[in-house]
Every structure is written in structure tokens, then in C-alpha cells.
Amino acid sequence: MSLLKERLRKARQEHGMSTEDVAKLFNEKGDKITSRSILSYELGEREPSTLYVRGLINYLQINPYWLLSNKGEMFDEEPKVQELPAKIDLSKLVFIPLMDMRLSAGYGAILQGRECVEDFVAFAEKWLSGVTLTKPEYLMAFTVSGDSMEGDIHDGDLVIANTVMNDLNNDGTYAVCIDDKFYVKILQRLPGNKVMVVSQNKTYQPFEVDLNCEHFKIIGKIIWSGKKTDC
């Protein structure tokens, strides 16, 4: 599946336009944007502004469903594009960073640095508020790799972690950093400031960890998972 930043670039290139060309078009329409900003969106250095997403859809006639969720074709029938304003309020989109959990970058890097951000995933602000009241800047998304949580969360599923919920007040499913690698595990609080780390897949044996151990950090609680259905 292509990343959002790749679709942003493809939408521009399909029209044979440079970043300077697109910036000029936007500015002629009254939307202030620079070619450097556009390039940063395409490189995944910054989350795309809703102004830019709306402009690609309206000015370049890009199918919003393809652009935001990789569904359908890049160009859709004209009537569907024209119906967009009544159906989707692009100003109410929230972009959550999609972390590259394949990197062995360490706990500090994933919470503070931008080098672990692979892309951004768009969610409707209203929908997201029904999932959590936590501000979007404290949320991160990533794609699960592996079968240790099979039966609950599957390989390839998209999950959202709430980094505010990282003190293990309640047992549950969490994103954790163990020896600078990232996992999704069930955590169960034990006496003596210890935790039992459990996998949904019983092939993987549970193990005990001291919460004071510097090699084990809780990134945040998993508050939502989206199932992969196109396999």
C-alpha cells in the first residue's frame, strides 16, 4: 500500500507539474503555500496542511478517497468530485504521525524525534474524538508487524497508541520498547513494581519485567486498531 506522502507526489507528477508549478497554482487561487512546504509534505517531513489537501482535490481534480485512504482510482468521475464539499469537511481532518516501528531507534527517539515518522494518517476529528479525548499531538499510529498478538491484533493492522497513557494504571494492550525494539503486548501489573508481558499468541511465552528496568519502556496504550481486510 502506498503512503500518503507518495500519493501527494504522484498526484502532482501525474499532471506533469513541479513543486514550483503547484505552489504558483495555489497562490493564484489565493492559497499561500511555498514549493518548499510541498516538498516537505512529499518527503514526509511535515504533516500536510488541510489547505494543501483540499487544493489538490479541487484544483487538480484528485479523488479524495484515493488521496486520503488509497481507495479507488486517482481520478474519479466528475460528479463525485463535485459532491465532496457536502460530504467531507477537510478542515476537520487530523493527521496522526505513522511511526516506522521497524527502526531500532530507542524510546527517546520515537517520542521526541521526527526520524521515526514514516508518514501521516488522516482521521476525521469528530470520529477521533469518539475514540479519545486526548489531543492528537499525543497520539501516534503504526502498522503492526508479526503474529505475537494474532487473534486480537494481526500482522499488518493499523493501531493508534495514546502516549499519555503510559503509566500502567490499568492492565491492557500497550506499545512497548524492549531493548530499543518496539512491540505490541498485553501488560499485567504485578506486585513489587513489576509487570507480566503477555502475547495473545500462546506460542510466545509470557515473561516478567521490572518497571524500573532501563531496557523496558511503555510508549502508550493501544486505544484503537484497524483490521487489514484486503489480504
Protein backbone atom coordinates (compact mmCIF):
# COMPACT_ATOMS: atom_id res chain seq x y z
CA MET A 1 0.00 0.00 0.00
CA SER A 2 1.35 3.40 -0.94
CA LEU A 3 1.99 6.02 1.71
CA LEU A 4 0.20 9.36 1.85
CA LYS A 5 3.41 11.23 1.00
CA GLU A 6 3.82 9.06 -2.10
CA ARG A 7 0.25 9.78 -3.23
CA LEU A 8 0.81 13.51 -2.73
CA ARG A 9 3.83 13.33 -5.02
CA LYS A 10 2.08 11.12 -7.56
CA ALA A 11 -0.91 13.48 -7.75
CA ARG A 12 1.44 16.33 -8.66
CA GLN A 13 3.59 14.35 -11.09
CA GLU A 14 0.56 12.93 -12.89
CA HIS A 15 -0.13 16.48 -14.07
CA GLY A 16 3.50 16.96 -15.12
CA MET A 17 3.91 19.74 -12.57
CA SER A 18 6.90 20.68 -10.44
CA THR A 19 6.52 21.76 -6.81
CA GLU A 20 7.06 25.33 -8.06
CA ASP A 21 4.23 24.90 -10.59
CA VAL A 22 1.83 23.66 -7.90
CA ALA A 23 2.82 26.44 -5.50
CA LYS A 24 2.18 29.01 -8.26
CA LEU A 25 -1.24 27.50 -8.97
CA PHE A 26 -2.20 27.61 -5.31
CA ASN A 27 -1.06 31.20 -4.90
CA GLU A 28 -3.01 32.24 -8.00
CA LYS A 29 -6.08 30.73 -6.32
CA GLY A 30 -5.39 32.76 -3.18
CA ASP A 31 -3.90 29.93 -1.12
CA LYS A 32 -0.47 30.88 0.18
CA ILE A 33 1.97 27.98 0.01
CA THR A 34 5.63 27.53 -0.93
CA SER A 35 7.29 24.88 -3.07
CA ARG A 36 9.46 24.00 -0.05
CA SER A 37 6.37 23.23 2.02
CA ILE A 38 5.05 20.99 -0.75
CA LEU A 39 8.37 19.17 -0.92
CA SER A 40 8.37 18.66 2.85
CA TYR A 41 4.90 17.07 2.61
CA GLU A 42 6.10 14.72 -0.13
CA LEU A 43 9.18 13.76 1.88
CA GLY A 44 7.12 13.08 4.98
CA GLU A 45 8.98 15.76 6.94
CA ARG A 46 5.74 17.56 7.85
CA GLU A 47 2.10 16.62 8.01
CA PRO A 48 0.24 18.04 5.00
CA SER A 49 -1.98 21.03 5.70
CA THR A 50 -5.69 20.66 5.07
CA LEU A 51 -5.36 23.66 2.75
CA TYR A 52 -2.96 21.68 0.56
CA VAL A 53 -5.07 18.51 0.60
CA ARG A 54 -8.18 20.49 -0.31
CA GLY A 55 -6.30 22.24 -3.09
CA LEU A 56 -5.08 19.01 -4.67
CA ILE A 57 -8.63 17.69 -4.67
CA ASN A 58 -10.26 20.83 -6.02
CA TYR A 59 -7.57 22.27 -8.32
CA LEU A 60 -6.12 19.03 -9.70
CA GLN A 61 -9.41 17.07 -9.55
CA ILE A 62 -7.94 14.30 -7.38
CA ASN A 63 -10.27 11.67 -5.93
CA PRO A 64 -10.28 12.41 -2.16
CA TYR A 65 -10.87 8.78 -1.24
CA TRP A 66 -7.77 7.71 -3.16
CA LEU A 67 -5.69 10.55 -1.76
CA LEU A 68 -6.63 10.06 1.89
CA SER A 69 -7.14 6.30 2.12
CA ASN A 70 -5.66 4.78 -1.06
CA LYS A 71 -9.10 3.55 -2.12
CA GLY A 72 -10.26 3.64 -5.74
CA GLU A 73 -8.52 5.49 -8.55
CA MET A 74 -6.60 8.76 -8.52
CA PHE A 75 -9.11 10.39 -10.83
CA ASP A 76 -12.81 9.74 -10.26
CA GLU A 77 -15.91 10.73 -12.14
CA GLU A 78 -16.60 14.47 -12.11
CA PRO A 79 -19.91 14.24 -10.21
CA LYS A 80 -18.29 12.52 -7.26
CA VAL A 81 -15.57 15.15 -7.04
CA GLN A 82 -18.16 17.92 -7.13
CA GLU A 83 -20.16 16.25 -4.33
CA LEU A 84 -17.16 16.31 -1.99
CA PRO A 85 -17.76 19.64 -0.15
CA ALA A 86 -21.17 18.48 1.10
CA LYS A 87 -19.79 15.18 2.38
CA ILE A 88 -16.32 15.87 3.73
CA ASP A 89 -15.15 18.86 5.78
CA LEU A 90 -11.42 18.76 5.10
CA SER A 91 -10.80 21.42 7.75
CA LYS A 92 -11.85 18.82 10.33
CA LEU A 93 -9.17 16.31 9.38
CA VAL A 94 -6.50 15.33 11.89
CA PHE A 95 -3.16 13.93 10.72
CA ILE A 96 -1.51 11.50 13.13
CA PRO A 97 2.14 10.53 12.60
CA LEU A 98 2.64 6.99 11.29
CA MET A 99 5.75 5.72 13.03
CA ASP A 100 8.26 3.40 11.40
CA MET A 101 8.38 0.75 14.13
CA ARG A 102 10.96 -1.26 12.18
CA LEU A 103 13.65 1.15 13.33
CA SER A 104 15.75 0.36 16.39
CA ALA A 105 15.83 3.98 17.43
CA GLY A 106 15.06 3.74 21.12
CA TYR A 107 12.32 5.04 23.37
CA GLY A 108 13.52 8.64 23.41
CA ALA A 109 13.76 8.85 19.64
CA ILE A 110 10.23 7.69 18.98
CA LEU A 111 8.71 10.11 21.50
CA GLN A 112 10.88 13.15 20.84
CA GLY A 113 12.49 12.85 17.43
CA ARG A 114 10.99 13.02 13.96
CA GLU A 115 13.29 10.44 12.39
CA CYS A 116 10.84 7.66 13.23
CA VAL A 117 7.92 9.32 11.41
CA GLU A 118 7.31 7.39 8.21
CA ASP A 119 4.16 9.17 7.06
CA PHE A 120 0.89 10.67 8.32
CA VAL A 121 -2.56 9.09 8.51
CA ALA A 122 -5.73 11.17 8.16
CA PHE A 123 -8.63 10.76 10.59
CA ALA A 124 -11.85 12.74 10.92
CA GLU A 125 -11.63 14.95 14.00
CA LYS A 126 -15.20 14.08 15.04
CA TRP A 127 -14.56 10.35 14.71
CA LEU A 128 -11.30 10.59 16.64
CA SER A 129 -13.00 12.48 19.49
CA GLY A 130 -15.27 9.46 19.89
CA VAL A 131 -12.21 7.27 20.42
CA THR A 132 -10.26 9.51 22.79
CA LEU A 133 -10.35 12.98 24.35
CA THR A 134 -6.55 13.16 24.25
CA LYS A 135 -5.13 15.82 21.92
CA PRO A 136 -3.88 14.45 18.57
CA GLU A 137 -0.29 15.54 19.27
CA TYR A 138 -0.09 12.86 21.96
CA LEU A 139 -1.22 10.09 19.61
CA MET A 140 0.80 8.00 17.18
CA ALA A 141 -0.14 5.35 14.65
CA PHE A 142 1.88 2.42 13.41
CA THR A 143 1.48 -0.78 11.48
CA VAL A 144 1.84 -3.97 13.49
CA SER A 145 4.43 -6.45 12.29
CA GLY A 146 4.43 -10.10 13.37
CA ASP A 147 1.97 -12.60 14.80
CA SER A 148 2.56 -12.35 18.55
CA MET A 149 -0.86 -10.70 19.03
CA GLU A 150 -2.66 -12.89 16.49
CA GLY A 151 -6.27 -13.42 17.47
CA ASP A 152 -6.67 -9.82 18.58
CA ILE A 153 -4.32 -7.63 16.55
CA HIS A 154 -3.00 -9.08 13.32
CA ASP A 155 0.10 -8.61 11.20
CA GLY A 156 -0.47 -5.53 9.03
CA ASP A 157 -3.14 -3.96 11.27
CA LEU A 158 -3.02 -0.22 11.89
CA VAL A 159 -3.15 0.80 15.56
CA ILE A 160 -3.23 4.08 17.49
CA ALA A 161 -1.25 4.46 20.71
CA ASN A 162 -2.03 7.10 23.33
CA THR A 163 1.33 8.22 24.74
CA VAL A 164 -0.33 9.95 27.72
CA MET A 165 -1.46 6.54 28.97
CA ASN A 166 1.98 5.14 29.71
CA ASP A 167 1.97 4.60 33.48
CA LEU A 168 0.16 1.24 33.51
CA ASN A 169 -2.66 2.33 35.80
CA ASN A 170 -4.74 -0.39 34.20
CA ASP A 171 -3.88 -3.71 32.57
CA GLY A 172 -4.33 -3.72 28.82
CA THR A 173 -2.65 -3.73 25.43
CA TYR A 174 0.28 -1.36 25.09
CA ALA A 175 3.02 -0.35 22.67
CA VAL A 176 6.32 -1.01 24.45
CA CYS A 177 10.01 -0.57 23.79
CA ILE A 178 12.18 -3.52 24.77
CA ASP A 179 15.91 -3.30 24.10
CA ASP A 180 15.32 -0.49 21.57
CA LYS A 181 12.78 -2.51 19.57
CA PHE A 182 9.05 -1.90 19.50
CA TYR A 183 6.25 -4.36 20.24
CA VAL A 184 2.53 -4.56 20.99
CA LYS A 185 1.94 -6.61 24.13
CA ILE A 186 -0.61 -7.23 26.86
CA LEU A 187 0.71 -5.84 30.16
CA GLN A 188 -0.45 -7.08 33.56
CA ARG A 189 0.67 -5.21 36.69
CA LEU A 190 2.35 -7.39 39.36
CA PRO A 191 3.28 -6.63 42.98
CA GLY A 192 6.71 -5.12 43.54
CA ASN A 193 6.55 -2.67 40.62
CA LYS A 194 6.79 -5.47 38.09
CA VAL A 195 4.79 -6.33 35.01
CA MET A 196 3.93 -9.52 33.17
CA VAL A 197 4.38 -9.16 29.40
CA VAL A 198 1.93 -11.40 27.58
CA SER A 199 1.34 -12.21 23.89
CA GLN A 200 -2.11 -13.06 22.56
CA ASN A 201 -0.50 -15.84 20.53
CA LYS A 202 0.22 -18.60 23.05
CA THR A 203 3.23 -19.71 21.01
CA TYR A 204 5.06 -16.85 22.70
CA GLN A 205 5.75 -17.37 26.38
CA PRO A 206 4.95 -14.57 28.85
CA PHE A 207 7.81 -13.02 30.79
CA GLU A 208 8.24 -10.77 33.79
CA VAL A 209 9.91 -7.36 33.71
CA ASP A 210 10.85 -4.86 36.42
CA LEU A 211 9.27 -1.49 35.56
CA ASN A 212 12.43 0.23 36.75
CA CYS A 213 14.48 -1.60 34.11
CA GLU A 214 16.01 0.88 31.67
CA HIS A 215 15.62 -1.60 28.81
CA PHE A 216 11.81 -1.64 29.12
CA LYS A 217 9.63 1.42 28.48
CA ILE A 218 5.91 1.82 27.91
CA ILE A 219 5.19 4.02 24.88
CA GLY A 220 1.42 4.19 25.28
CA LYS A 221 -1.81 2.27 25.46
CA ILE A 222 -3.37 0.95 22.27
CA ILE A 223 -6.74 2.70 22.02
CA TRP A 224 -7.79 1.60 18.53
CA SER A 225 -6.90 -0.98 15.90
CA GLY A 226 -8.00 -1.22 12.27
CA LYS A 227 -8.17 -4.63 10.68
CA LYS A 228 -6.50 -5.45 7.40
CA THR A 229 -9.21 -6.87 5.11
CA ASP A 230 -7.68 -6.81 1.63
CA CYS A 231 -5.50 -9.92 2.02
